[in-house]
Structure formats: C-alpha cells, structure tokens
C-alpha atoms as a PDB file:
ATOM      1  CA  UNK A   1     -10.018  56.687 126.149  1.00  0.00           C
ATOM      2  CA  UNK A   2     -10.419  56.894 122.372  1.00  0.00           C
ATOM      3  CA  UNK A   3      -7.619  56.264 119.888  1.00  0.00           C
ATOM      4  CA  UNK A   4      -7.453  59.988 119.133  1.00  0.00           C
ATOM      5  CA  UNK A   5      -7.224  60.855 122.834  1.00  0.00           C
ATOM      6  CA  UNK A   6      -4.373  58.384 123.269  1.00  0.00           C
ATOM      7  CA  UNK A   7      -2.589  59.844 120.255  1.00  0.00           C
ATOM      8  CA  UNK A   8      -3.113  63.384 121.558  1.00  0.00           C
ATOM      9  CA  UNK A   9      -1.709  62.432 124.963  1.00  0.00           C
ATOM     10  CA  UNK A  10       1.366  60.795 123.429  1.00  0.00           C
ATOM     11  CA  UNK A  11       2.072  63.609 120.960  1.00  0.00           C
ATOM     12  CA  UNK A  12       1.555  66.357 123.554  1.00  0.00           C
ATOM     13  CA  UNK A  13       4.109  64.772 125.858  1.00  0.00           C
ATOM     14  CA  UNK A  14       6.688  64.516 123.059  1.00  0.00           C
ATOM     15  CA  UNK A  15       6.076  68.026 121.748  1.00  0.00           C
ATOM     16  CA  UNK A  16       6.298  69.559 125.224  1.00  0.00           C
ATOM     17  CA  UNK A  17       9.660  67.849 125.769  1.00  0.00           C
ATOM     18  CA  UNK A  18      11.154  70.031 123.041  1.00  0.00           C
ATOM     19  CA  UNK A  19      13.127  67.073 121.693  1.00  0.00           C
ATOM     20  CA  UNK A  20      12.084  66.525 118.092  1.00  0.00           C
ATOM     21  CA  UNK A  21      13.547  64.392 115.274  1.00  0.00           C
ATOM     22  CA  UNK A  22      13.873  67.547 113.148  1.00  0.00           C
ATOM     23  CA  UNK A  23      16.262  67.624 110.198  1.00  0.00           C
ATOM     24  CA  UNK A  24      17.305  63.995 110.612  1.00  0.00           C
ATOM     25  CA  UNK A  25      13.827  62.716 109.774  1.00  0.00           C
ATOM     26  CA  UNK A  26      12.861  65.518 107.399  1.00  0.00           C
ATOM     27  CA  UNK A  27      15.913  65.044 105.191  1.00  0.00           C
ATOM     28  CA  UNK A  28      15.014  61.397 104.632  1.00  0.00           C
ATOM     29  CA  UNK A  29      12.212  62.677 102.407  1.00  0.00           C
ATOM     30  CA  UNK A  30      13.918  65.795 101.008  1.00  0.00           C
ATOM     31  CA  UNK A  31      14.295  66.115  97.215  1.00  0.00           C
ATOM     32  CA  UNK A  32      17.475  68.149  97.825  1.00  0.00           C
ATOM     33  CA  UNK A  33      20.631  66.956  99.535  1.00  0.00           C
ATOM     34  CA  UNK A  34      21.731  68.370 102.896  1.00  0.00           C
ATOM     35  CA  UNK A  35      24.464  70.619 101.473  1.00  0.00           C
ATOM     36  CA  UNK A  36      22.182  72.251  98.901  1.00  0.00           C
ATOM     37  CA  UNK A  37      19.440  72.838 101.457  1.00  0.00           C
ATOM     38  CA  UNK A  38      21.726  74.356 104.068  1.00  0.00           C
ATOM     39  CA  UNK A  39      23.383  76.535 101.437  1.00  0.00           C
ATOM     40  CA  UNK A  40      19.979  77.846 100.345  1.00  0.00           C
ATOM     41  CA  UNK A  41      19.112  78.738 103.928  1.00  0.00           C
ATOM     42  CA  UNK A  42      22.355  80.707 104.290  1.00  0.00           C
ATOM     43  CA  UNK A  43      21.860  82.559 101.002  1.00  0.00           C
ATOM     44  CA  UNK A  44      18.313  83.567 101.935  1.00  0.00           C
ATOM     45  CA  UNK A  45      18.535  85.136 105.391  1.00  0.00           C
ATOM     46  CA  UNK A  46      15.041  86.664 105.105  1.00  0.00           C
ATOM     47  CA  UNK A  47      12.723  83.831 104.061  1.00  0.00           C
ATOM     48  CA  UNK A  48       9.001  84.346 103.633  1.00  0.00           C
ATOM     49  CA  UNK A  49       7.234  83.037 106.738  1.00  0.00           C
ATOM     50  CA  UNK A  50       4.364  80.600 106.423  1.00  0.00           C
ATOM     51  CA  UNK A  51       2.600  77.872 108.381  1.00  0.00           C
ATOM     52  CA  UNK A  52       0.584  74.731 107.724  1.00  0.00           C
ATOM     53  CA  UNK A  53      -1.763  72.713 109.913  1.00  0.00           C
ATOM     54  CA  UNK A  54      -1.530  68.983 110.472  1.00  0.00           C
ATOM     55  CA  UNK A  55      -5.152  68.513 111.468  1.00  0.00           C
ATOM     56  CA  UNK A  56      -5.902  65.321 113.414  1.00  0.00           C
ATOM     57  CA  UNK A  57      -9.424  64.026 113.979  1.00  0.00           C
ATOM     58  CA  UNK A  58     -11.379  60.798 114.284  1.00  0.00           C
ATOM     59  CA  UNK A  59     -13.608  58.976 111.801  1.00  0.00           C
ATOM     60  CA  UNK A  60     -15.364  55.770 112.867  1.00  0.00           C
ATOM     61  CA  UNK A  61     -13.017  55.394 115.815  1.00  0.00           C
ATOM     62  CA  UNK A  62      -9.807  55.803 113.816  1.00  0.00           C
ATOM     63  CA  UNK A  63      -7.446  58.851 113.827  1.00  0.00           C
ATOM     64  CA  UNK A  64      -7.227  60.647 110.482  1.00  0.00           C
ATOM     65  CA  UNK A  65      -5.433  63.647 108.990  1.00  0.00           C
ATOM     66  CA  UNK A  66      -6.296  65.856 106.022  1.00  0.00           C
ATOM     67  CA  UNK A  67      -4.322  66.860 102.943  1.00  0.00           C
ATOM     68  CA  UNK A  68      -5.352  69.142 100.084  1.00  0.00           C
ATOM     69  CA  UNK A  69      -4.917  68.692  96.353  1.00  0.00           C
ATOM     70  CA  UNK A  70      -3.998  72.022  94.806  1.00  0.00           C
ATOM     71  CA  UNK A  71      -5.274  73.240  91.442  1.00  0.00           C
ATOM     72  CA  UNK A  72      -2.967  73.649  88.475  1.00  0.00           C
ATOM     73  CA  UNK A  73      -1.573  77.204  88.339  1.00  0.00           C
ATOM     74  CA  UNK A  74       1.496  79.087  87.194  1.00  0.00           C
ATOM     75  CA  UNK A  75       3.741  78.407  90.185  1.00  0.00           C
ATOM     76  CA  UNK A  76       6.272  75.979  91.655  1.00  0.00           C
ATOM     77  CA  UNK A  77       3.690  74.177  93.799  1.00  0.00           C
ATOM     78  CA  UNK A  78       1.092  73.659  91.053  1.00  0.00           C
ATOM     79  CA  UNK A  79      -1.034  70.483  91.412  1.00  0.00           C
ATOM     80  CA  UNK A  80       0.867  69.368  94.516  1.00  0.00           C
ATOM     81  CA  UNK A  81      -0.620  67.636  97.530  1.00  0.00           C
ATOM     82  CA  UNK A  82      -0.101  69.717 100.653  1.00  0.00           C
ATOM     83  CA  UNK A  83      -1.289  70.446 104.163  1.00  0.00           C
ATOM     84  CA  UNK A  84      -3.675  73.396 104.508  1.00  0.00           C
ATOM     85  CA  UNK A  85      -1.716  76.584 105.104  1.00  0.00           C
ATOM     86  CA  UNK A  86      -0.019  79.576 103.554  1.00  0.00           C
ATOM     87  CA  UNK A  87       1.893  82.812 103.960  1.00  0.00           C
ATOM     88  CA  UNK A  88       1.854  84.797 107.205  1.00  0.00           C
ATOM     89  CA  UNK A  89      -0.122  88.018 106.903  1.00  0.00           C
ATOM     90  CA  UNK A  90       0.347  91.240 108.852  1.00  0.00           C
ATOM     91  CA  UNK A  91      -2.866  90.659 110.788  1.00  0.00           C
ATOM     92  CA  UNK A  92      -1.674  87.285 112.080  1.00  0.00           C
ATOM     93  CA  UNK A  93      -0.381  87.553 115.641  1.00  0.00           C
ATOM     94  CA  UNK A  94       1.673  84.358 115.269  1.00  0.00           C
ATOM     95  CA  UNK A  95       2.402  81.513 112.875  1.00  0.00           C
ATOM     96  CA  UNK A  96      -0.156  79.423 114.774  1.00  0.00           C
ATOM     97  CA  UNK A  97      -2.719  82.083 113.823  1.00  0.00           C
ATOM     98  CA  UNK A  98      -1.528  81.803 110.227  1.00  0.00           C
ATOM     99  CA  UNK A  99      -2.017  78.024 110.170  1.00  0.00           C
ATOM    100  CA  UNK A 100      -5.495  78.269 111.702  1.00  0.00           C
ATOM    101  CA  UNK A 101      -6.640  81.140 109.477  1.00  0.00           C
ATOM    102  CA  UNK A 102      -5.412  79.459 106.308  1.00  0.00           C
ATOM    103  CA  UNK A 103      -7.103  76.208 107.324  1.00  0.00           C
ATOM    104  CA  UNK A 104     -10.407  78.012 107.795  1.00  0.00           C
ATOM    105  CA  UNK A 105     -10.029  79.776 104.452  1.00  0.00           C
ATOM    106  CA  UNK A 106      -9.005  76.681 102.516  1.00  0.00           C
ATOM    107  CA  UNK A 107     -11.076  73.852 104.011  1.00  0.00           C
ATOM    108  CA  UNK A 108     -13.645  75.595 106.218  1.00  0.00           C
ATOM    109  CA  UNK A 109     -12.575  74.429 109.703  1.00  0.00           C
ATOM    110  CA  UNK A 110     -13.059  77.263 112.208  1.00  0.00           C
ATOM    111  CA  UNK A 111     -10.170  78.312 114.432  1.00  0.00           C
ATOM    112  CA  UNK A 112     -12.242  77.918 117.605  1.00  0.00           C
ATOM    113  CA  UNK A 113     -12.731  74.196 116.929  1.00  0.00           C
ATOM    114  CA  UNK A 114      -9.028  73.357 116.773  1.00  0.00           C
ATOM    115  CA  UNK A 115      -6.920  72.604 119.846  1.00  0.00           C
ATOM    116  CA  UNK A 116      -3.284  73.335 119.029  1.00  0.00           C
ATOM    117  CA  UNK A 117      -0.890  70.974 120.830  1.00  0.00           C
ATOM    118  CA  UNK A 118       2.421  72.148 119.401  1.00  0.00           C
ATOM    119  CA  UNK A 119       4.623  72.530 116.341  1.00  0.00           C
ATOM    120  CA  UNK A 120       7.159  70.435 114.456  1.00  0.00           C
ATOM    121  CA  UNK A 121      10.514  71.585 113.079  1.00  0.00           C
ATOM    122  CA  UNK A 122      10.452  74.376 110.488  1.00  0.00           C
ATOM    123  CA  UNK A 123      10.997  73.364 106.859  1.00  0.00           C
ATOM    124  CA  UNK A 124      12.753  75.619 104.348  1.00  0.00           C
ATOM    125  CA  UNK A 125      11.624  75.401 100.687  1.00  0.00           C
ATOM    126  CA  UNK A 126      14.412  76.637  98.353  1.00  0.00           C
ATOM    127  CA  UNK A 127      12.334  77.037  95.122  1.00  0.00           C
ATOM    128  CA  UNK A 128       9.825  79.434  96.704  1.00  0.00           C
ATOM    129  CA  UNK A 129      11.909  80.832  99.577  1.00  0.00           C
ATOM    130  CA  UNK A 130       9.344  79.936 102.236  1.00  0.00           C
ATOM    131  CA  UNK A 131      10.156  78.891 105.794  1.00  0.00           C
ATOM    132  CA  UNK A 132       7.230  76.729 106.866  1.00  0.00           C
ATOM    133  CA  UNK A 133       6.156  76.086 110.461  1.00  0.00           C
ATOM    134  CA  UNK A 134       4.103  72.876 110.781  1.00  0.00           C
ATOM    135  CA  UNK A 135       1.458  73.236 113.514  1.00  0.00           C
ATOM    136  CA  UNK A 136      -0.382  70.210 114.950  1.00  0.00           C
ATOM    137  CA  UNK A 137      -4.044  70.634 115.859  1.00  0.00           C
ATOM    138  CA  UNK A 138      -6.749  68.321 117.205  1.00  0.00           C
ATOM    139  CA  UNK A 139     -10.451  68.310 116.362  1.00  0.00           C
ATOM    140  CA  UNK A 140     -12.649  66.734 119.025  1.00  0.00           C
ATOM    141  CA  UNK A 141     -15.435  65.982 116.528  1.00  0.00           C
ATOM    142  CA  UNK A 142     -15.541  64.890 112.906  1.00  0.00           C
ATOM    143  CA  UNK A 143     -14.949  67.851 110.579  1.00  0.00           C
ATOM    144  CA  UNK A 144     -17.389  69.179 108.020  1.00  0.00           C
ATOM    145  CA  UNK A 145     -15.141  70.459 105.265  1.00  0.00           C
ATOM    146  CA  UNK A 146     -15.979  73.371 102.983  1.00  0.00           C
ATOM    147  CA  UNK A 147     -13.247  73.904 100.421  1.00  0.00           C
ATOM    148  CA  UNK A 148     -12.300  77.180  98.779  1.00  0.00           C
ATOM    149  CA  UNK A 149     -12.552  76.268  95.076  1.00  0.00           C
ATOM    150  CA  UNK A 150      -9.988  78.911  94.177  1.00  0.00           C
ATOM    151  CA  UNK A 151      -7.259  77.223  96.240  1.00  0.00           C
ATOM    152  CA  UNK A 152      -8.275  73.609  96.784  1.00  0.00           C
ATOM    153  CA  UNK A 153      -9.336  71.084  94.175  1.00  0.00           C
ATOM    154  CA  UNK A 154     -10.356  68.474  96.752  1.00  0.00           C
ATOM    155  CA  UNK A 155      -9.491  67.097 100.195  1.00  0.00           C
ATOM    156  CA  UNK A 156      -7.643  63.828 100.805  1.00  0.00           C
ATOM    157  CA  UNK A 157      -8.542  62.180 104.113  1.00  0.00           C
ATOM    158  CA  UNK A 158      -6.098  59.502 105.256  1.00  0.00           C
ATOM    159  CA  UNK A 159      -5.964  57.245 108.297  1.00  0.00           C
ATOM    160  CA  UNK A 160      -2.876  58.143 110.331  1.00  0.00           C
ATOM    161  CA  UNK A 161      -2.100  54.407 110.430  1.00  0.00           C
ATOM    162  CA  UNK A 162      -1.237  54.593 106.723  1.00  0.00           C
ATOM    163  CA  UNK A 163       1.990  56.420 107.642  1.00  0.00           C
ATOM    164  CA  UNK A 164       3.162  53.331 109.541  1.00  0.00           C
ATOM    165  CA  UNK A 165       2.556  50.787 106.779  1.00  0.00           C
ATOM    166  CA  UNK A 166       5.614  49.190 105.190  1.00  0.00           C
ATOM    167  CA  UNK A 167       4.866  50.335 101.623  1.00  0.00           C
ATOM    168  CA  UNK A 168       3.991  53.958 102.380  1.00  0.00           C
ATOM    169  CA  UNK A 169       7.425  55.315 101.346  1.00  0.00           C
ATOM    170  CA  UNK A 170       8.326  54.872  97.695  1.00  0.00           C
ATOM    171  CA  UNK A 171      10.599  56.556  95.152  1.00  0.00           C
ATOM    172  CA  UNK A 172      10.064  58.093  91.732  1.00  0.00           C
ATOM    173  CA  UNK A 173      11.370  60.806  89.395  1.00  0.00           C
ATOM    174  CA  UNK A 174       9.539  64.124  89.726  1.00  0.00           C
ATOM    175  CA  UNK A 175       9.953  67.243  87.521  1.00  0.00           C
ATOM    176  CA  UNK A 176      11.190  70.069  89.739  1.00  0.00           C
ATOM    177  CA  UNK A 177      11.297  73.841  89.279  1.00  0.00           C
ATOM    178  CA  UNK A 178      10.962  75.925  86.145  1.00  0.00           C
ATOM    179  CA  UNK A 179      13.387  73.695  84.249  1.00  0.00           C
ATOM    180  CA  UNK A 180      11.225  70.630  85.026  1.00  0.00           C
ATOM    181  CA  UNK A 181      14.347  68.500  85.355  1.00  0.00           C
ATOM    182  CA  UNK A 182      13.339  65.117  86.738  1.00  0.00           C
ATOM    183  CA  UNK A 183      14.951  64.313  90.077  1.00  0.00           C
ATOM    184  CA  UNK A 184      14.691  60.993  91.870  1.00  0.00           C
ATOM    185  CA  UNK A 185      12.968  61.631  95.167  1.00  0.00           C
ATOM    186  CA  UNK A 186      11.206  59.660  97.899  1.00  0.00           C
ATOM    187  CA  UNK A 187       7.510  60.213  98.489  1.00  0.00           C
ATOM    188  CA  UNK A 188       4.608  59.042 100.622  1.00  0.00           C
ATOM    189  CA  UNK A 189       2.040  57.000  98.718  1.00  0.00           C
ATOM    190  CA  UNK A 190      -1.269  57.999 100.287  1.00  0.00           C
ATOM    191  CA  UNK A 191      -4.569  56.905  98.725  1.00  0.00           C
ATOM    192  CA  UNK A 192      -2.940  56.759  95.262  1.00  0.00           C
ATOM    193  CA  UNK A 193      -1.500  60.253  95.668  1.00  0.00           C
ATOM    194  CA  UNK A 194       2.182  61.183  95.466  1.00  0.00           C
ATOM    195  CA  UNK A 195       3.045  63.304  98.511  1.00  0.00           C
ATOM    196  CA  UNK A 196       6.547  64.713  98.200  1.00  0.00           C
ATOM    197  CA  UNK A 197       8.661  67.779  98.948  1.00  0.00           C
ATOM    198  CA  UNK A 198       8.020  69.859 102.059  1.00  0.00           C
ATOM    199  CA  UNK A 199       4.790  68.032 102.896  1.00  0.00           C
ATOM    200  CA  UNK A 200       6.576  64.673 102.830  1.00  0.00           C
ATOM    201  CA  UNK A 201       9.355  66.096 105.024  1.00  0.00           C
ATOM    202  CA  UNK A 202       6.792  67.247 107.589  1.00  0.00           C
ATOM    203  CA  UNK A 203       5.012  63.885 107.521  1.00  0.00           C
ATOM    204  CA  UNK A 204       8.358  62.124 107.942  1.00  0.00           C
ATOM    205  CA  UNK A 205       9.027  63.897 111.227  1.00  0.00           C
ATOM    206  CA  UNK A 206       5.441  63.241 112.324  1.00  0.00           C
ATOM    207  CA  UNK A 207       5.831  59.571 111.392  1.00  0.00           C
ATOM    208  CA  UNK A 208       8.927  59.347 113.586  1.00  0.00           C
ATOM    209  CA  UNK A 209       6.888  60.557 116.559  1.00  0.00           C
ATOM    210  CA  UNK A 210       4.290  57.885 115.800  1.00  0.00           C
ATOM    211  CA  UNK A 211       6.985  55.212 115.490  1.00  0.00           C
ATOM    212  CA  UNK A 212       8.198  56.013 118.987  1.00  0.00           C
END
C-alpha cells in the first residue's frame, strides 16, 4: 500500500465518522477572534456559498497537496495563497460540483480524475461574506496542471508532511481589509509562502486529522 493509499484510508475513516475538529482547530489560525467571527455569521444570514478543493496526490512516493498563488487585483483576497475553488454557480448541483469545476477551470484537473472522500467544516469569511466548504479529493496519478492565467499566477506544490513540521506555524502582522490595518495573525509557512486566513483555517483542521 502506498503512502497516499494509507492516507486516503485513514482520512476516509475519520471523515465518514462525522466527528471533525471543526471550529476548535480552525480558530487557532483565524485572524479574527471567536466573538467577532460568530457575530459576523449572525449578521449575515445569507452568505455567498463557495467551495474549495484540497487536492491530494503523490509525487515520487510522497503525498502532496496543491495551493494557488492569486494575481494582484482590486479585491480583499488579492495576491493571497489559496486552495483552488470559488463561488457556487446555478449550474452546480452541489458544492462538491463547485469545488471540482473551479479546480478544473483554475488548474486544469478534470472532475473525472478526482475521487472525493469527504468535506471538512465550513469556514465563514467576514470580509467577503463567503461561506466556504472545503472538499477533499484524491488523484490516483500525478497531476498535469494547466493554470488559468486570469485567475492563477502559479501553483505551489507542498508535501503534506510539511504541515506536521515543528516550524510550519508562525506569526506575523498582515494588512487586512480596505483599511489595510495590520493585525497580528498566525500563518502556515509553506515553501516560503505565507498562508493565512481561511486557507490556513482549513489546513489547520486538516493538520489535526493528520496529527491523529
């Protein structure tokens, strides 16, 4: 059994149990405190639905996952590192469909190649009003990426083992929102990239499943 197959077996069992670390692990990496986040969720009772894909695959016998570096643009998520994904469209039958479609559009991985094994806890993003569903998918073979230059600057491929290293979580001040006020926030240091915000919250819950 390969390392990816072992990981798939372990994750599938945990996801099917329905018992996830959820908010406890996500909030460890949140740039907003619990009260502010919960208040935002109450104020916005009709969030915009979206989904991202945590795509797992193997390179040279080691499990990897993919992140995207976004271009600079006039928006709250400009130049951020994120998982492939986006807003749910009317044609999408489910949020899983959204995650798979967006992944194909952004990094060129076809839906038919991805085996979905489950989803993590939803993440609410106050600045943009999105409620994000993180979907976990497995690729049985190494991916051949084709990025959409309009949405993705480049792809960051990281060994999953990096999430378990002692120095992966660090802290810095990051300018947030239109005001660009700098807020001290934790982040994942992955291949010299600062991964923070909703993506870091998703990876934090995923990391907890790996730790188990």
